[in-house]
Amino acid sequence: MNSEQQDQPSDEQETLVQLIAAHQTRLRGLIRCLLFDADDVDDVLQETNRVLWQKAKDFAAGTDFWAWAAQVARFEVLSYHKRRRRDAHVFDSDLVVEVAALAEDHLADSDERRAALEQCLGRQPSANRQLLELRYTLDFSNQSIAEKLGRPVGSIRQTLYRIRNSLLECVERVMVSEGMA
């Protein structure tokens, strides 16, 4: 085998890289629920990724990658807390484990909910999508949107409220109809 062939990742390695990349948002969310400082979150996420890669042989293909990765992340957060125990603002390990379990459950279906939301957004009339983009993507205030569109602020608030409710109901219907909930 030449050195070029040795440098190429195996199919298992490639699959693991894809799984780790696909779960970065959820892993960051889980870690963020357990740590306050963004730099600490980044450090623990980086360490979690290192451990996931290092323990790749322990992951059984076809099993629940999220459950395995979340467990590794919880252990890394606990390890972080043990290293920082001298800091008065560090939480008790039992509390961290409890919050981690709640966060993991909450984040477990986030990819499915995001996909359902994308479907539901696609079904919205273009005027509603424009309003959502102004408010949540471009971060316009309700007052700024009202001025831009020549509408009363109360009308903008009420329309956004109705759109959010409509999206929530749609997401729940999609989740149920596709067996995600």
C-alpha atoms as a PDB file:
ATOM      1  CA  MET A   1       0.000   0.000   0.000  1.00  0.00           C
ATOM      2  CA  ASN A   2       1.478   3.366  -0.954  1.00  0.00           C
ATOM      3  CA  SER A   3       1.498   6.390   1.380  1.00  0.00           C
ATOM      4  CA  GLU A   4      -1.316   8.072  -0.570  1.00  0.00           C
ATOM      5  CA  GLN A   5      -3.655   5.164   0.134  1.00  0.00           C
ATOM      6  CA  GLN A   6      -2.656   5.141   3.814  1.00  0.00           C
ATOM      7  CA  ASP A   7      -3.525   8.836   4.163  1.00  0.00           C
ATOM      8  CA  GLN A   8      -7.067   8.404   2.847  1.00  0.00           C
ATOM      9  CA  PRO A   9      -9.750   7.943   5.506  1.00  0.00           C
ATOM     10  CA  SER A  10     -11.623   4.646   5.728  1.00  0.00           C
ATOM     11  CA  ASP A  11     -15.374   4.505   5.147  1.00  0.00           C
ATOM     12  CA  GLU A  12     -15.906   4.214   8.923  1.00  0.00           C
ATOM     13  CA  GLN A  13     -13.773   7.292   9.548  1.00  0.00           C
ATOM     14  CA  GLU A  14     -15.602   9.232   6.860  1.00  0.00           C
ATOM     15  CA  THR A  15     -18.959   8.221   8.351  1.00  0.00           C
ATOM     16  CA  LEU A  16     -17.828   9.281  11.823  1.00  0.00           C
ATOM     17  CA  VAL A  17     -16.628  12.648  10.525  1.00  0.00           C
ATOM     18  CA  GLN A  18     -20.023  13.190   8.888  1.00  0.00           C
ATOM     19  CA  LEU A  19     -21.892  12.209  12.060  1.00  0.00           C
ATOM     20  CA  ILE A  20     -19.773  14.469  14.254  1.00  0.00           C
ATOM     21  CA  ALA A  21     -20.251  17.374  11.843  1.00  0.00           C
ATOM     22  CA  ALA A  22     -24.000  16.781  11.579  1.00  0.00           C
ATOM     23  CA  HIS A  23     -24.403  16.875  15.366  1.00  0.00           C
ATOM     24  CA  GLN A  24     -22.271  19.955  16.149  1.00  0.00           C
ATOM     25  CA  THR A  25     -25.252  22.266  16.655  1.00  0.00           C
ATOM     26  CA  ARG A  26     -26.943  19.863  19.059  1.00  0.00           C
ATOM     27  CA  LEU A  27     -23.723  19.141  20.943  1.00  0.00           C
ATOM     28  CA  ARG A  28     -23.014  22.857  21.294  1.00  0.00           C
ATOM     29  CA  GLY A  29     -26.594  23.376  22.506  1.00  0.00           C
ATOM     30  CA  LEU A  30     -26.269  20.636  25.103  1.00  0.00           C
ATOM     31  CA  ILE A  31     -22.937  21.967  26.360  1.00  0.00           C
ATOM     32  CA  ARG A  32     -24.281  25.544  26.311  1.00  0.00           C
ATOM     33  CA  CYS A  33     -27.109  24.468  28.625  1.00  0.00           C
ATOM     34  CA  LEU A  34     -24.505  23.338  31.134  1.00  0.00           C
ATOM     35  CA  LEU A  35     -21.871  26.076  30.893  1.00  0.00           C
ATOM     36  CA  PHE A  36     -22.205  29.847  30.870  1.00  0.00           C
ATOM     37  CA  ASP A  37     -19.026  31.123  29.309  1.00  0.00           C
ATOM     38  CA  ALA A  38     -18.908  30.886  25.496  1.00  0.00           C
ATOM     39  CA  ASP A  39     -15.153  30.232  25.555  1.00  0.00           C
ATOM     40  CA  ASP A  40     -15.703  27.349  27.977  1.00  0.00           C
ATOM     41  CA  VAL A  41     -18.427  25.982  25.686  1.00  0.00           C
ATOM     42  CA  ASP A  42     -16.010  26.111  22.747  1.00  0.00           C
ATOM     43  CA  ASP A  43     -13.264  24.413  24.775  1.00  0.00           C
ATOM     44  CA  VAL A  44     -15.537  21.624  25.993  1.00  0.00           C
ATOM     45  CA  LEU A  45     -17.018  21.132  22.510  1.00  0.00           C
ATOM     46  CA  GLN A  46     -13.516  20.847  21.073  1.00  0.00           C
ATOM     47  CA  GLU A  47     -12.554  18.342  23.768  1.00  0.00           C
ATOM     48  CA  THR A  48     -15.794  16.418  23.154  1.00  0.00           C
ATOM     49  CA  ASN A  49     -14.995  16.197  19.448  1.00  0.00           C
ATOM     50  CA  ARG A  50     -11.484  14.999  20.263  1.00  0.00           C
ATOM     51  CA  VAL A  51     -12.820  12.277  22.558  1.00  0.00           C
ATOM     52  CA  LEU A  52     -15.459  11.234  20.005  1.00  0.00           C
ATOM     53  CA  TRP A  53     -12.734  10.804  17.421  1.00  0.00           C
ATOM     54  CA  GLN A  54     -10.406   9.083  19.885  1.00  0.00           C
ATOM     55  CA  LYS A  55     -13.144   6.631  20.955  1.00  0.00           C
ATOM     56  CA  ALA A  56     -14.472   6.040  17.436  1.00  0.00           C
ATOM     57  CA  LYS A  57     -13.892   2.312  17.780  1.00  0.00           C
ATOM     58  CA  ASP A  58     -16.362   2.269  20.718  1.00  0.00           C
ATOM     59  CA  PHE A  59     -19.224   3.540  18.543  1.00  0.00           C
ATOM     60  CA  ALA A  60     -21.273   0.770  16.957  1.00  0.00           C
ATOM     61  CA  ALA A  61     -22.403   1.741  13.456  1.00  0.00           C
ATOM     62  CA  GLY A  62     -26.182   1.754  13.159  1.00  0.00           C
ATOM     63  CA  THR A  63     -26.755   2.722  16.799  1.00  0.00           C
ATOM     64  CA  ASP A  64     -27.916   6.102  18.093  1.00  0.00           C
ATOM     65  CA  PHE A  65     -24.970   8.440  17.499  1.00  0.00           C
ATOM     66  CA  TRP A  66     -26.691  11.327  19.298  1.00  0.00           C
ATOM     67  CA  ALA A  67     -27.106   9.301  22.499  1.00  0.00           C
ATOM     68  CA  TRP A  68     -23.453   8.275  22.423  1.00  0.00           C
ATOM     69  CA  ALA A  69     -22.145  11.750  21.570  1.00  0.00           C
ATOM     70  CA  ALA A  70     -24.368  13.400  24.198  1.00  0.00           C
ATOM     71  CA  GLN A  71     -23.039  11.013  26.838  1.00  0.00           C
ATOM     72  CA  VAL A  72     -19.472  11.889  25.880  1.00  0.00           C
ATOM     73  CA  ALA A  73     -20.353  15.604  26.042  1.00  0.00           C
ATOM     74  CA  ARG A  74     -21.911  15.178  29.513  1.00  0.00           C
ATOM     75  CA  PHE A  75     -18.777  13.429  30.752  1.00  0.00           C
ATOM     76  CA  GLU A  76     -16.622  16.202  29.307  1.00  0.00           C
ATOM     77  CA  VAL A  77     -18.729  18.864  31.050  1.00  0.00           C
ATOM     78  CA  LEU A  78     -18.454  16.948  34.326  1.00  0.00           C
ATOM     79  CA  SER A  79     -14.699  16.662  33.813  1.00  0.00           C
ATOM     80  CA  TYR A  80     -14.553  20.398  33.144  1.00  0.00           C
ATOM     81  CA  HIS A  81     -16.461  21.068  36.385  1.00  0.00           C
ATOM     82  CA  LYS A  82     -14.126  18.827  38.366  1.00  0.00           C
ATOM     83  CA  ARG A  83     -11.130  20.734  37.020  1.00  0.00           C
ATOM     84  CA  ARG A  84     -12.781  24.035  37.942  1.00  0.00           C
ATOM     85  CA  ARG A  85     -14.186  22.947  41.335  1.00  0.00           C
ATOM     86  CA  ARG A  86     -12.232  25.704  43.074  1.00  0.00           C
ATOM     87  CA  ASP A  87     -14.437  28.288  41.319  1.00  0.00           C
ATOM     88  CA  ALA A  88     -17.405  29.216  43.539  1.00  0.00           C
ATOM     89  CA  HIS A  89     -19.702  29.466  40.509  1.00  0.00           C
ATOM     90  CA  VAL A  90     -19.370  25.830  39.491  1.00  0.00           C
ATOM     91  CA  PHE A  91     -22.467  23.684  39.921  1.00  0.00           C
ATOM     92  CA  ASP A  92     -22.733  20.427  41.810  1.00  0.00           C
ATOM     93  CA  SER A  93     -22.125  17.370  39.579  1.00  0.00           C
ATOM     94  CA  ASP A  94     -25.590  15.922  40.318  1.00  0.00           C
ATOM     95  CA  LEU A  95     -27.203  19.134  39.112  1.00  0.00           C
ATOM     96  CA  VAL A  96     -25.086  19.070  35.949  1.00  0.00           C
ATOM     97  CA  VAL A  97     -26.141  15.468  35.244  1.00  0.00           C
ATOM     98  CA  GLU A  98     -29.807  16.318  35.792  1.00  0.00           C
ATOM     99  CA  VAL A  99     -29.717  19.414  33.575  1.00  0.00           C
ATOM    100  CA  ALA A 100     -27.780  17.467  30.927  1.00  0.00           C
ATOM    101  CA  ALA A 101     -30.464  14.786  30.810  1.00  0.00           C
ATOM    102  CA  LEU A 102     -33.187  17.408  30.384  1.00  0.00           C
ATOM    103  CA  ALA A 103     -31.226  19.259  27.708  1.00  0.00           C
ATOM    104  CA  GLU A 104     -30.421  16.050  25.843  1.00  0.00           C
ATOM    105  CA  ASP A 105     -34.103  15.087  25.720  1.00  0.00           C
ATOM    106  CA  HIS A 106     -35.045  18.557  24.547  1.00  0.00           C
ATOM    107  CA  LEU A 107     -32.355  18.658  21.858  1.00  0.00           C
ATOM    108  CA  ALA A 108     -32.912  15.086  20.649  1.00  0.00           C
ATOM    109  CA  ASP A 109     -35.631  16.079  18.211  1.00  0.00           C
ATOM    110  CA  SER A 110     -34.236  19.489  17.241  1.00  0.00           C
ATOM    111  CA  ASP A 111     -33.135  18.373  13.758  1.00  0.00           C
ATOM    112  CA  GLU A 112     -36.582  16.949  13.041  1.00  0.00           C
ATOM    113  CA  ARG A 113     -38.272  20.096  14.368  1.00  0.00           C
ATOM    114  CA  ARG A 114     -35.982  22.265  12.238  1.00  0.00           C
ATOM    115  CA  ALA A 115     -36.857  20.222   9.126  1.00  0.00           C
ATOM    116  CA  ALA A 116     -40.565  20.497   9.959  1.00  0.00           C
ATOM    117  CA  LEU A 117     -40.194  24.251  10.468  1.00  0.00           C
ATOM    118  CA  GLU A 118     -38.534  24.597   7.063  1.00  0.00           C
ATOM    119  CA  GLN A 119     -41.468  22.768   5.472  1.00  0.00           C
ATOM    120  CA  CYS A 120     -43.934  25.005   7.285  1.00  0.00           C
ATOM    121  CA  LEU A 121     -42.053  28.183   6.368  1.00  0.00           C
ATOM    122  CA  GLY A 122     -42.181  27.111   2.738  1.00  0.00           C
ATOM    123  CA  ARG A 123     -45.971  26.942   2.983  1.00  0.00           C
ATOM    124  CA  GLN A 124     -46.284  30.502   4.280  1.00  0.00           C
ATOM    125  CA  PRO A 125     -47.365  33.269   1.903  1.00  0.00           C
ATOM    126  CA  SER A 126     -44.456  35.408   0.702  1.00  0.00           C
ATOM    127  CA  ALA A 127     -45.700  38.428   2.701  1.00  0.00           C
ATOM    128  CA  ASN A 128     -45.478  36.389   5.909  1.00  0.00           C
ATOM    129  CA  ARG A 129     -42.015  35.091   5.024  1.00  0.00           C
ATOM    130  CA  GLN A 130     -40.895  38.661   4.329  1.00  0.00           C
ATOM    131  CA  LEU A 131     -42.207  39.791   7.703  1.00  0.00           C
ATOM    132  CA  LEU A 132     -40.429  36.900   9.458  1.00  0.00           C
ATOM    133  CA  GLU A 133     -37.202  37.682   7.632  1.00  0.00           C
ATOM    134  CA  LEU A 134     -37.343  41.348   8.620  1.00  0.00           C
ATOM    135  CA  ARG A 135     -38.010  40.490  12.259  1.00  0.00           C
ATOM    136  CA  TYR A 136     -35.874  37.424  12.883  1.00  0.00           C
ATOM    137  CA  THR A 137     -33.175  37.330  10.207  1.00  0.00           C
ATOM    138  CA  LEU A 138     -32.481  41.024   9.777  1.00  0.00           C
ATOM    139  CA  ASP A 139     -33.400  41.763  13.423  1.00  0.00           C
ATOM    140  CA  PHE A 140     -35.647  44.737  12.671  1.00  0.00           C
ATOM    141  CA  SER A 141     -37.733  45.952  15.609  1.00  0.00           C
ATOM    142  CA  ASN A 142     -41.514  45.862  15.280  1.00  0.00           C
ATOM    143  CA  GLN A 143     -41.409  49.672  15.075  1.00  0.00           C
ATOM    144  CA  SER A 144     -38.889  49.592  12.206  1.00  0.00           C
ATOM    145  CA  ILE A 145     -40.962  47.017  10.324  1.00  0.00           C
ATOM    146  CA  ALA A 146     -44.098  49.108  10.811  1.00  0.00           C
ATOM    147  CA  GLU A 147     -42.345  52.176   9.414  1.00  0.00           C
ATOM    148  CA  LYS A 148     -40.877  50.227   6.498  1.00  0.00           C
ATOM    149  CA  LEU A 149     -44.226  48.662   5.566  1.00  0.00           C
ATOM    150  CA  GLY A 150     -46.410  51.653   6.441  1.00  0.00           C
ATOM    151  CA  ARG A 151     -48.476  49.684   8.935  1.00  0.00           C
ATOM    152  CA  PRO A 152     -49.312  50.275  12.597  1.00  0.00           C
ATOM    153  CA  VAL A 153     -46.978  48.650  15.141  1.00  0.00           C
ATOM    154  CA  GLY A 154     -49.893  46.800  16.738  1.00  0.00           C
ATOM    155  CA  SER A 155     -50.738  45.264  13.379  1.00  0.00           C
ATOM    156  CA  ILE A 156     -47.163  44.024  12.963  1.00  0.00           C
ATOM    157  CA  ARG A 157     -47.163  42.537  16.478  1.00  0.00           C
ATOM    158  CA  GLN A 158     -50.492  40.816  15.908  1.00  0.00           C
ATOM    159  CA  THR A 159     -49.471  39.467  12.490  1.00  0.00           C
ATOM    160  CA  LEU A 160     -46.193  38.068  13.874  1.00  0.00           C
ATOM    161  CA  TYR A 161     -48.110  36.486  16.752  1.00  0.00           C
ATOM    162  CA  ARG A 162     -50.503  34.789  14.317  1.00  0.00           C
ATOM    163  CA  ILE A 163     -47.657  33.625  12.063  1.00  0.00           C
ATOM    164  CA  ARG A 164     -45.754  32.138  15.026  1.00  0.00           C
ATOM    165  CA  ASN A 165     -48.873  30.315  16.214  1.00  0.00           C
ATOM    166  CA  SER A 166     -49.535  29.066  12.696  1.00  0.00           C
ATOM    167  CA  LEU A 167     -45.944  27.808  12.405  1.00  0.00           C
ATOM    168  CA  LEU A 168     -46.110  26.099  15.799  1.00  0.00           C
ATOM    169  CA  GLU A 169     -49.317  24.283  14.866  1.00  0.00           C
ATOM    170  CA  CYS A 170     -47.873  23.336  11.483  1.00  0.00           C
ATOM    171  CA  VAL A 171     -44.638  21.991  13.014  1.00  0.00           C
ATOM    172  CA  GLU A 172     -46.621  19.898  15.498  1.00  0.00           C
ATOM    173  CA  ARG A 173     -48.813  18.504  12.686  1.00  0.00           C
ATOM    174  CA  VAL A 174     -45.761  17.645  10.565  1.00  0.00           C
ATOM    175  CA  MET A 175     -44.003  16.003  13.512  1.00  0.00           C
ATOM    176  CA  VAL A 176     -47.064  13.865  14.255  1.00  0.00           C
ATOM    177  CA  SER A 177     -47.789  13.003  10.624  1.00  0.00           C
ATOM    178  CA  GLU A 178     -44.179  11.946  10.003  1.00  0.00           C
ATOM    179  CA  GLY A 179     -43.976  10.001  13.264  1.00  0.00           C
ATOM    180  CA  MET A 180     -41.368  12.317  14.773  1.00  0.00           C
ATOM    181  CA  ALA A 181     -43.326  13.210  17.870  1.00  0.00           C
END
